[in-house]
Protein backbone atom coordinates (compact mmCIF):
# COMPACT_ATOMS: atom_id res chain seq x y z
CA UNK A 1 0.00 0.00 0.00
CA UNK A 2 1.22 3.45 -0.87
CA UNK A 3 1.02 6.35 1.54
CA UNK A 4 -1.59 9.08 1.18
CA UNK A 5 1.22 11.38 0.04
CA UNK A 6 2.36 8.94 -2.68
CA UNK A 7 -1.22 8.53 -3.85
CA UNK A 8 -1.71 12.30 -4.07
CA UNK A 9 1.57 12.61 -5.98
CA UNK A 10 0.44 9.98 -8.50
CA UNK A 11 -2.94 11.69 -8.97
CA UNK A 12 -1.15 15.02 -9.47
CA UNK A 13 1.21 13.41 -12.02
CA UNK A 14 -1.75 11.98 -13.95
CA UNK A 15 -3.44 15.39 -14.10
CA UNK A 16 -0.18 17.14 -15.05
CA UNK A 17 0.52 14.62 -17.81
CA UNK A 18 -2.90 15.21 -19.35
CA UNK A 19 -2.50 18.99 -19.03
CA UNK A 20 0.91 18.68 -20.74
CA UNK A 21 -0.72 16.55 -23.42
CA UNK A 22 -3.28 19.25 -24.14
CA UNK A 23 -0.48 21.84 -24.42
CA UNK A 24 2.21 19.85 -26.26
CA UNK A 25 0.67 16.64 -27.59
CA UNK A 26 3.12 14.63 -25.44
CA UNK A 27 2.99 13.08 -21.97
CA UNK A 28 4.64 14.80 -19.04
CA UNK A 29 8.39 14.13 -19.07
CA UNK A 30 9.20 12.58 -15.70
CA UNK A 31 12.55 12.83 -13.93
CA UNK A 32 12.19 9.66 -11.88
CA UNK A 33 14.90 10.54 -9.34
CA UNK A 34 12.92 13.61 -8.21
CA UNK A 35 10.29 11.34 -6.63
CA UNK A 36 10.29 9.18 -3.50
CA UNK A 37 11.90 5.76 -3.89
CA UNK A 38 8.47 4.13 -3.49
CA UNK A 39 7.44 5.74 -6.77
CA UNK A 40 10.76 5.04 -8.50
CA UNK A 41 10.27 1.28 -8.20
CA UNK A 42 8.90 -0.60 -11.17
CA UNK A 43 5.13 -0.78 -11.12
CA UNK A 44 2.16 -1.58 -13.34
CA UNK A 45 -0.80 0.78 -13.32
CA UNK A 46 -4.07 1.52 -15.05
CA UNK A 47 -5.41 5.06 -15.23
CA UNK A 48 -9.17 5.35 -15.63
CA UNK A 49 -10.73 8.68 -16.53
CA UNK A 50 -14.41 9.45 -15.96
CA UNK A 51 -16.61 12.46 -16.62
CA UNK A 52 -19.88 12.56 -14.66
CA UNK A 53 -19.34 8.92 -13.62
CA UNK A 54 -19.08 7.85 -17.28
CA UNK A 55 -15.93 6.20 -18.65
CA UNK A 56 -13.83 8.63 -20.71
CA UNK A 57 -10.68 6.55 -21.10
CA UNK A 58 -8.75 3.69 -19.53
CA UNK A 59 -5.26 2.53 -20.43
CA UNK A 60 -2.70 0.62 -18.44
CA UNK A 61 0.12 -1.85 -18.07
CA UNK A 62 -0.41 -5.46 -17.00
CA UNK A 63 3.22 -6.01 -16.00
CA UNK A 64 5.73 -3.78 -14.23
CA UNK A 65 8.54 -2.77 -16.60
CA UNK A 66 9.27 0.88 -15.75
CA UNK A 67 9.17 3.17 -12.71
CA UNK A 68 5.64 3.53 -11.32
CA UNK A 69 5.64 7.34 -11.57
CA UNK A 70 6.55 7.11 -15.28
CA UNK A 71 3.97 4.37 -15.86
CA UNK A 72 1.21 6.54 -14.36
CA UNK A 73 2.26 9.63 -16.37
CA UNK A 74 2.31 7.72 -19.66
CA UNK A 75 -0.91 5.78 -18.99
CA UNK A 76 -2.78 8.96 -17.98
CA UNK A 77 -1.74 10.59 -21.26
CA UNK A 78 -2.72 7.47 -23.22
CA UNK A 79 -6.11 7.21 -21.45
CA UNK A 80 -6.88 10.82 -22.40
CA UNK A 81 -5.58 10.83 -25.96
CA UNK A 82 -5.04 7.28 -27.25
CA UNK A 83 -7.93 5.14 -25.99
CA UNK A 84 -9.39 3.93 -29.32
CA UNK A 85 -12.92 3.95 -27.89
CA UNK A 86 -12.92 7.75 -27.54
CA UNK A 87 -11.90 10.90 -29.37
CA UNK A 88 -8.87 12.66 -27.87
CA UNK A 89 -9.71 14.68 -24.76
CA UNK A 90 -10.58 18.33 -25.35
CA UNK A 91 -9.61 21.40 -23.34
CA UNK A 92 -13.27 21.81 -22.31
CA UNK A 93 -13.39 18.28 -20.84
CA UNK A 94 -10.20 18.59 -18.78
CA UNK A 95 -11.71 20.36 -15.72
CA UNK A 96 -14.44 17.69 -15.48
CA UNK A 97 -12.08 14.71 -15.26
CA UNK A 98 -12.21 12.25 -12.39
CA UNK A 99 -9.04 10.20 -11.99
CA UNK A 100 -8.80 6.62 -10.76
CA UNK A 101 -5.47 4.85 -10.50
CA UNK A 102 -5.11 1.11 -10.05
CA UNK A 103 -1.69 -0.25 -9.09
CA UNK A 104 -1.53 -3.92 -10.01
CA UNK A 105 0.00 -6.68 -7.93
CA UNK A 106 1.81 -9.30 -10.04
CA UNK A 107 -0.64 -11.64 -11.81
CA UNK A 108 -0.77 -15.27 -10.74
CA UNK A 109 -1.87 -18.14 -13.01
CA UNK A 110 -5.08 -19.87 -12.01
CA UNK A 111 -5.49 -23.65 -12.06
CA UNK A 112 -8.85 -25.04 -13.15
CA UNK A 113 -10.25 -28.02 -15.02
CA UNK A 114 -13.44 -26.51 -16.43
CA UNK A 115 -15.19 -23.19 -16.88
CA UNK A 116 -17.42 -24.00 -13.91
CA UNK A 117 -14.34 -24.68 -11.76
CA UNK A 118 -12.76 -21.39 -12.87
CA UNK A 119 -15.92 -19.36 -12.22
CA UNK A 120 -16.27 -20.96 -8.77
CA UNK A 121 -12.78 -19.71 -7.83
CA UNK A 122 -13.42 -16.07 -8.76
CA UNK A 123 -13.55 -13.53 -5.94
CA UNK A 124 -16.05 -10.80 -6.90
CA UNK A 125 -14.81 -7.32 -6.17
CA UNK A 126 -11.28 -8.59 -5.52
CA UNK A 127 -9.93 -10.29 -8.63
CA UNK A 128 -8.80 -8.67 -11.81
CA UNK A 129 -8.46 -11.23 -14.61
CA UNK A 130 -6.28 -11.65 -17.68
CA UNK A 131 -7.62 -14.15 -20.20
CA UNK A 132 -5.39 -15.42 -23.03
CA UNK A 133 -6.09 -17.95 -25.78
CA UNK A 134 -5.54 -18.35 -29.52
CA UNK A 135 -3.51 -15.13 -29.73
CA UNK A 136 -6.29 -13.14 -28.05
CA UNK A 137 -6.00 -11.37 -24.71
CA UNK A 138 -8.26 -9.29 -22.51
CA UNK A 139 -8.35 -8.00 -18.97
CA UNK A 140 -10.91 -6.68 -16.53
CA UNK A 141 -9.87 -4.65 -13.49
CA UNK A 142 -11.56 -5.55 -10.19
CA UNK A 143 -13.66 -2.37 -10.55
CA UNK A 144 -15.57 -4.05 -13.42
CA UNK A 145 -17.29 -6.22 -10.78
CA UNK A 146 -19.39 -3.14 -9.95
CA UNK A 147 -21.16 -3.42 -13.32
CA UNK A 148 -20.84 -7.21 -13.72
CA UNK A 149 -21.27 -8.65 -10.19
CA UNK A 150 -22.10 -12.21 -11.27
CA UNK A 151 -18.90 -14.31 -11.78
CA UNK A 152 -20.38 -16.12 -14.78
CA UNK A 153 -21.30 -12.83 -16.50
CA UNK A 154 -17.93 -11.30 -15.57
CA UNK A 155 -16.06 -14.17 -17.24
CA UNK A 156 -18.32 -14.24 -20.32
CA UNK A 157 -17.91 -10.50 -20.90
CA UNK A 158 -14.15 -10.90 -20.54
CA UNK A 159 -14.23 -13.53 -23.31
CA UNK A 160 -16.04 -11.05 -25.54
CA UNK A 161 -13.56 -8.31 -24.71
CA UNK A 162 -10.74 -10.66 -25.72
CA UNK A 163 -12.48 -11.28 -29.04
CA UNK A 164 -13.57 -14.82 -28.22
CA UNK A 165 -17.11 -16.22 -28.52
CA UNK A 166 -19.20 -16.66 -25.36
CA UNK A 167 -19.07 -20.45 -25.64
CA UNK A 168 -15.30 -20.55 -26.19
CA UNK A 169 -13.38 -23.11 -24.17
CA UNK A 170 -10.12 -24.88 -24.91
CA UNK A 171 -7.30 -26.74 -23.19
CA UNK A 172 -4.95 -23.86 -24.04
CA UNK A 173 -7.04 -21.17 -22.32
CA UNK A 174 -5.00 -19.35 -19.66
CA UNK A 175 -6.37 -17.13 -16.91
CA UNK A 176 -4.33 -15.11 -14.46
CA UNK A 177 -5.67 -13.14 -11.53
CA UNK A 178 -4.35 -10.04 -9.83
CA UNK A 179 -5.39 -7.61 -7.14
CA UNK A 180 -5.05 -3.84 -7.18
CA UNK A 181 -4.49 -0.92 -4.89
CA UNK A 182 -7.09 1.55 -6.14
CA UNK A 183 -7.58 5.24 -5.39
CA UNK A 184 -8.89 8.37 -7.05
CA UNK A 185 -9.92 11.95 -6.62
C-alpha atoms as a PDB file:
ATOM      1  CA  UNK A   1       0.000   0.000   0.000  1.00  0.00           C
ATOM      2  CA  UNK A   2       1.222   3.454  -0.873  1.00  0.00           C
ATOM      3  CA  UNK A   3       1.021   6.352   1.541  1.00  0.00           C
ATOM      4  CA  UNK A   4      -1.592   9.084   1.177  1.00  0.00           C
ATOM      5  CA  UNK A   5       1.219  11.379   0.041  1.00  0.00           C
ATOM      6  CA  UNK A   6       2.359   8.945  -2.681  1.00  0.00           C
ATOM      7  CA  UNK A   7      -1.224   8.529  -3.845  1.00  0.00           C
ATOM      8  CA  UNK A   8      -1.714  12.303  -4.068  1.00  0.00           C
ATOM      9  CA  UNK A   9       1.566  12.608  -5.977  1.00  0.00           C
ATOM     10  CA  UNK A  10       0.444   9.981  -8.504  1.00  0.00           C
ATOM     11  CA  UNK A  11      -2.944  11.686  -8.971  1.00  0.00           C
ATOM     12  CA  UNK A  12      -1.150  15.023  -9.474  1.00  0.00           C
ATOM     13  CA  UNK A  13       1.210  13.411 -12.020  1.00  0.00           C
ATOM     14  CA  UNK A  14      -1.752  11.977 -13.945  1.00  0.00           C
ATOM     15  CA  UNK A  15      -3.437  15.393 -14.104  1.00  0.00           C
ATOM     16  CA  UNK A  16      -0.180  17.144 -15.054  1.00  0.00           C
ATOM     17  CA  UNK A  17       0.520  14.617 -17.805  1.00  0.00           C
ATOM     18  CA  UNK A  18      -2.899  15.213 -19.346  1.00  0.00           C
ATOM     19  CA  UNK A  19      -2.501  18.989 -19.026  1.00  0.00           C
ATOM     20  CA  UNK A  20       0.909  18.679 -20.740  1.00  0.00           C
ATOM     21  CA  UNK A  21      -0.723  16.546 -23.422  1.00  0.00           C
ATOM     22  CA  UNK A  22      -3.278  19.253 -24.139  1.00  0.00           C
ATOM     23  CA  UNK A  23      -0.482  21.844 -24.424  1.00  0.00           C
ATOM     24  CA  UNK A  24       2.209  19.846 -26.265  1.00  0.00           C
ATOM     25  CA  UNK A  25       0.672  16.636 -27.587  1.00  0.00           C
ATOM     26  CA  UNK A  26       3.116  14.631 -25.443  1.00  0.00           C
ATOM     27  CA  UNK A  27       2.992  13.076 -21.969  1.00  0.00           C
ATOM     28  CA  UNK A  28       4.642  14.804 -19.036  1.00  0.00           C
ATOM     29  CA  UNK A  29       8.387  14.135 -19.069  1.00  0.00           C
ATOM     30  CA  UNK A  30       9.198  12.575 -15.697  1.00  0.00           C
ATOM     31  CA  UNK A  31      12.550  12.830 -13.934  1.00  0.00           C
ATOM     32  CA  UNK A  32      12.192   9.665 -11.883  1.00  0.00           C
ATOM     33  CA  UNK A  33      14.903  10.540  -9.339  1.00  0.00           C
ATOM     34  CA  UNK A  34      12.920  13.608  -8.208  1.00  0.00           C
ATOM     35  CA  UNK A  35      10.288  11.340  -6.634  1.00  0.00           C
ATOM     36  CA  UNK A  36      10.287   9.185  -3.500  1.00  0.00           C
ATOM     37  CA  UNK A  37      11.901   5.760  -3.891  1.00  0.00           C
ATOM     38  CA  UNK A  38       8.472   4.133  -3.485  1.00  0.00           C
ATOM     39  CA  UNK A  39       7.444   5.741  -6.774  1.00  0.00           C
ATOM     40  CA  UNK A  40      10.760   5.043  -8.498  1.00  0.00           C
ATOM     41  CA  UNK A  41      10.271   1.283  -8.201  1.00  0.00           C
ATOM     42  CA  UNK A  42       8.899  -0.601 -11.170  1.00  0.00           C
ATOM     43  CA  UNK A  43       5.128  -0.778 -11.121  1.00  0.00           C
ATOM     44  CA  UNK A  44       2.160  -1.580 -13.338  1.00  0.00           C
ATOM     45  CA  UNK A  45      -0.801   0.781 -13.323  1.00  0.00           C
ATOM     46  CA  UNK A  46      -4.074   1.524 -15.054  1.00  0.00           C
ATOM     47  CA  UNK A  47      -5.406   5.057 -15.233  1.00  0.00           C
ATOM     48  CA  UNK A  48      -9.169   5.346 -15.631  1.00  0.00           C
ATOM     49  CA  UNK A  49     -10.732   8.678 -16.529  1.00  0.00           C
ATOM     50  CA  UNK A  50     -14.406   9.447 -15.958  1.00  0.00           C
ATOM     51  CA  UNK A  51     -16.609  12.462 -16.619  1.00  0.00           C
ATOM     52  CA  UNK A  52     -19.877  12.559 -14.656  1.00  0.00           C
ATOM     53  CA  UNK A  53     -19.340   8.917 -13.623  1.00  0.00           C
ATOM     54  CA  UNK A  54     -19.078   7.848 -17.283  1.00  0.00           C
ATOM     55  CA  UNK A  55     -15.935   6.202 -18.651  1.00  0.00           C
ATOM     56  CA  UNK A  56     -13.827   8.628 -20.706  1.00  0.00           C
ATOM     57  CA  UNK A  57     -10.677   6.545 -21.101  1.00  0.00           C
ATOM     58  CA  UNK A  58      -8.754   3.687 -19.526  1.00  0.00           C
ATOM     59  CA  UNK A  59      -5.263   2.534 -20.427  1.00  0.00           C
ATOM     60  CA  UNK A  60      -2.698   0.619 -18.435  1.00  0.00           C
ATOM     61  CA  UNK A  61       0.123  -1.855 -18.068  1.00  0.00           C
ATOM     62  CA  UNK A  62      -0.406  -5.459 -17.001  1.00  0.00           C
ATOM     63  CA  UNK A  63       3.224  -6.005 -15.995  1.00  0.00           C
ATOM     64  CA  UNK A  64       5.728  -3.777 -14.232  1.00  0.00           C
ATOM     65  CA  UNK A  65       8.543  -2.766 -16.595  1.00  0.00           C
ATOM     66  CA  UNK A  66       9.272   0.880 -15.746  1.00  0.00           C
ATOM     67  CA  UNK A  67       9.167   3.171 -12.706  1.00  0.00           C
ATOM     68  CA  UNK A  68       5.641   3.531 -11.322  1.00  0.00           C
ATOM     69  CA  UNK A  69       5.643   7.343 -11.566  1.00  0.00           C
ATOM     70  CA  UNK A  70       6.550   7.109 -15.277  1.00  0.00           C
ATOM     71  CA  UNK A  71       3.968   4.369 -15.857  1.00  0.00           C
ATOM     72  CA  UNK A  72       1.206   6.538 -14.360  1.00  0.00           C
ATOM     73  CA  UNK A  73       2.256   9.626 -16.369  1.00  0.00           C
ATOM     74  CA  UNK A  74       2.311   7.716 -19.663  1.00  0.00           C
ATOM     75  CA  UNK A  75      -0.907   5.784 -18.985  1.00  0.00           C
ATOM     76  CA  UNK A  76      -2.781   8.957 -17.985  1.00  0.00           C
ATOM     77  CA  UNK A  77      -1.736  10.588 -21.258  1.00  0.00           C
ATOM     78  CA  UNK A  78      -2.720   7.470 -23.220  1.00  0.00           C
ATOM     79  CA  UNK A  79      -6.106   7.208 -21.451  1.00  0.00           C
ATOM     80  CA  UNK A  80      -6.879  10.820 -22.400  1.00  0.00           C
ATOM     81  CA  UNK A  81      -5.582  10.834 -25.960  1.00  0.00           C
ATOM     82  CA  UNK A  82      -5.036   7.282 -27.248  1.00  0.00           C
ATOM     83  CA  UNK A  83      -7.925   5.137 -25.994  1.00  0.00           C
ATOM     84  CA  UNK A  84      -9.388   3.934 -29.321  1.00  0.00           C
ATOM     85  CA  UNK A  85     -12.921   3.951 -27.890  1.00  0.00           C
ATOM     86  CA  UNK A  86     -12.922   7.745 -27.536  1.00  0.00           C
ATOM     87  CA  UNK A  87     -11.902  10.896 -29.367  1.00  0.00           C
ATOM     88  CA  UNK A  88      -8.873  12.658 -27.866  1.00  0.00           C
ATOM     89  CA  UNK A  89      -9.706  14.676 -24.757  1.00  0.00           C
ATOM     90  CA  UNK A  90     -10.580  18.330 -25.352  1.00  0.00           C
ATOM     91  CA  UNK A  91      -9.607  21.404 -23.336  1.00  0.00           C
ATOM     92  CA  UNK A  92     -13.268  21.806 -22.312  1.00  0.00           C
ATOM     93  CA  UNK A  93     -13.387  18.285 -20.841  1.00  0.00           C
ATOM     94  CA  UNK A  94     -10.201  18.590 -18.780  1.00  0.00           C
ATOM     95  CA  UNK A  95     -11.713  20.364 -15.719  1.00  0.00           C
ATOM     96  CA  UNK A  96     -14.436  17.687 -15.479  1.00  0.00           C
ATOM     97  CA  UNK A  97     -12.083  14.711 -15.259  1.00  0.00           C
ATOM     98  CA  UNK A  98     -12.207  12.254 -12.389  1.00  0.00           C
ATOM     99  CA  UNK A  99      -9.036  10.196 -11.992  1.00  0.00           C
ATOM    100  CA  UNK A 100      -8.797   6.621 -10.757  1.00  0.00           C
ATOM    101  CA  UNK A 101      -5.471   4.847 -10.496  1.00  0.00           C
ATOM    102  CA  UNK A 102      -5.105   1.109 -10.045  1.00  0.00           C
ATOM    103  CA  UNK A 103      -1.691  -0.253  -9.094  1.00  0.00           C
ATOM    104  CA  UNK A 104      -1.531  -3.923 -10.010  1.00  0.00           C
ATOM    105  CA  UNK A 105      -0.003  -6.677  -7.930  1.00  0.00           C
ATOM    106  CA  UNK A 106       1.812  -9.303 -10.041  1.00  0.00           C
ATOM    107  CA  UNK A 107      -0.635 -11.638 -11.808  1.00  0.00           C
ATOM    108  CA  UNK A 108      -0.772 -15.275 -10.736  1.00  0.00           C
ATOM    109  CA  UNK A 109      -1.867 -18.141 -13.010  1.00  0.00           C
ATOM    110  CA  UNK A 110      -5.083 -19.869 -12.008  1.00  0.00           C
ATOM    111  CA  UNK A 111      -5.487 -23.654 -12.056  1.00  0.00           C
ATOM    112  CA  UNK A 112      -8.849 -25.041 -13.155  1.00  0.00           C
ATOM    113  CA  UNK A 113     -10.248 -28.024 -15.019  1.00  0.00           C
ATOM    114  CA  UNK A 114     -13.443 -26.506 -16.432  1.00  0.00           C
ATOM    115  CA  UNK A 115     -15.188 -23.193 -16.877  1.00  0.00           C
ATOM    116  CA  UNK A 116     -17.422 -24.000 -13.907  1.00  0.00           C
ATOM    117  CA  UNK A 117     -14.337 -24.679 -11.764  1.00  0.00           C
ATOM    118  CA  UNK A 118     -12.763 -21.392 -12.872  1.00  0.00           C
ATOM    119  CA  UNK A 119     -15.921 -19.357 -12.223  1.00  0.00           C
ATOM    120  CA  UNK A 120     -16.272 -20.964  -8.774  1.00  0.00           C
ATOM    121  CA  UNK A 121     -12.781 -19.711  -7.832  1.00  0.00           C
ATOM    122  CA  UNK A 122     -13.419 -16.070  -8.763  1.00  0.00           C
ATOM    123  CA  UNK A 123     -13.546 -13.528  -5.942  1.00  0.00           C
ATOM    124  CA  UNK A 124     -16.054 -10.802  -6.905  1.00  0.00           C
ATOM    125  CA  UNK A 125     -14.814  -7.315  -6.166  1.00  0.00           C
ATOM    126  CA  UNK A 126     -11.280  -8.587  -5.518  1.00  0.00           C
ATOM    127  CA  UNK A 127      -9.927 -10.292  -8.632  1.00  0.00           C
ATOM    128  CA  UNK A 128      -8.797  -8.668 -11.811  1.00  0.00           C
ATOM    129  CA  UNK A 129      -8.461 -11.227 -14.609  1.00  0.00           C
ATOM    130  CA  UNK A 130      -6.283 -11.646 -17.675  1.00  0.00           C
ATOM    131  CA  UNK A 131      -7.617 -14.152 -20.203  1.00  0.00           C
ATOM    132  CA  UNK A 132      -5.386 -15.421 -23.025  1.00  0.00           C
ATOM    133  CA  UNK A 133      -6.086 -17.953 -25.782  1.00  0.00           C
ATOM    134  CA  UNK A 134      -5.539 -18.353 -29.524  1.00  0.00           C
ATOM    135  CA  UNK A 135      -3.510 -15.125 -29.735  1.00  0.00           C
ATOM    136  CA  UNK A 136      -6.287 -13.136 -28.048  1.00  0.00           C
ATOM    137  CA  UNK A 137      -5.996 -11.369 -24.713  1.00  0.00           C
ATOM    138  CA  UNK A 138      -8.264  -9.293 -22.514  1.00  0.00           C
ATOM    139  CA  UNK A 139      -8.352  -8.001 -18.966  1.00  0.00           C
ATOM    140  CA  UNK A 140     -10.909  -6.680 -16.530  1.00  0.00           C
ATOM    141  CA  UNK A 141      -9.867  -4.655 -13.494  1.00  0.00           C
ATOM    142  CA  UNK A 142     -11.557  -5.546 -10.195  1.00  0.00           C
ATOM    143  CA  UNK A 143     -13.663  -2.374 -10.547  1.00  0.00           C
ATOM    144  CA  UNK A 144     -15.570  -4.052 -13.417  1.00  0.00           C
ATOM    145  CA  UNK A 145     -17.287  -6.216 -10.777  1.00  0.00           C
ATOM    146  CA  UNK A 146     -19.395  -3.137  -9.955  1.00  0.00           C
ATOM    147  CA  UNK A 147     -21.161  -3.416 -13.321  1.00  0.00           C
ATOM    148  CA  UNK A 148     -20.841  -7.214 -13.716  1.00  0.00           C
ATOM    149  CA  UNK A 149     -21.266  -8.651 -10.185  1.00  0.00           C
ATOM    150  CA  UNK A 150     -22.101 -12.207 -11.274  1.00  0.00           C
ATOM    151  CA  UNK A 151     -18.905 -14.307 -11.780  1.00  0.00           C
ATOM    152  CA  UNK A 152     -20.377 -16.123 -14.779  1.00  0.00           C
ATOM    153  CA  UNK A 153     -21.304 -12.825 -16.496  1.00  0.00           C
ATOM    154  CA  UNK A 154     -17.931 -11.304 -15.570  1.00  0.00           C
ATOM    155  CA  UNK A 155     -16.055 -14.169 -17.240  1.00  0.00           C
ATOM    156  CA  UNK A 156     -18.319 -14.243 -20.322  1.00  0.00           C
ATOM    157  CA  UNK A 157     -17.908 -10.505 -20.904  1.00  0.00           C
ATOM    158  CA  UNK A 158     -14.150 -10.896 -20.541  1.00  0.00           C
ATOM    159  CA  UNK A 159     -14.229 -13.532 -23.307  1.00  0.00           C
ATOM    160  CA  UNK A 160     -16.043 -11.052 -25.540  1.00  0.00           C
ATOM    161  CA  UNK A 161     -13.556  -8.305 -24.714  1.00  0.00           C
ATOM    162  CA  UNK A 162     -10.739 -10.663 -25.718  1.00  0.00           C
ATOM    163  CA  UNK A 163     -12.484 -11.276 -29.043  1.00  0.00           C
ATOM    164  CA  UNK A 164     -13.572 -14.818 -28.221  1.00  0.00           C
ATOM    165  CA  UNK A 165     -17.105 -16.217 -28.521  1.00  0.00           C
ATOM    166  CA  UNK A 166     -19.202 -16.660 -25.359  1.00  0.00           C
ATOM    167  CA  UNK A 167     -19.069 -20.453 -25.638  1.00  0.00           C
ATOM    168  CA  UNK A 168     -15.298 -20.551 -26.193  1.00  0.00           C
ATOM    169  CA  UNK A 169     -13.380 -23.111 -24.171  1.00  0.00           C
ATOM    170  CA  UNK A 170     -10.115 -24.884 -24.914  1.00  0.00           C
ATOM    171  CA  UNK A 171      -7.297 -26.737 -23.188  1.00  0.00           C
ATOM    172  CA  UNK A 172      -4.949 -23.859 -24.044  1.00  0.00           C
ATOM    173  CA  UNK A 173      -7.038 -21.169 -22.316  1.00  0.00           C
ATOM    174  CA  UNK A 174      -5.004 -19.349 -19.665  1.00  0.00           C
ATOM    175  CA  UNK A 175      -6.370 -17.133 -16.907  1.00  0.00           C
ATOM    176  CA  UNK A 176      -4.326 -15.106 -14.457  1.00  0.00           C
ATOM    177  CA  UNK A 177      -5.670 -13.144 -11.529  1.00  0.00           C
ATOM    178  CA  UNK A 178      -4.349 -10.044  -9.825  1.00  0.00           C
ATOM    179  CA  UNK A 179      -5.391  -7.612  -7.143  1.00  0.00           C
ATOM    180  CA  UNK A 180      -5.052  -3.842  -7.179  1.00  0.00           C
ATOM    181  CA  UNK A 181      -4.494  -0.917  -4.888  1.00  0.00           C
ATOM    182  CA  UNK A 182      -7.088   1.546  -6.139  1.00  0.00           C
ATOM    183  CA  UNK A 183      -7.577   5.240  -5.394  1.00  0.00           C
ATOM    184  CA  UNK A 184      -8.892   8.371  -7.047  1.00  0.00           C
ATOM    185  CA  UNK A 185      -9.919  11.952  -6.617  1.00  0.00           C
END
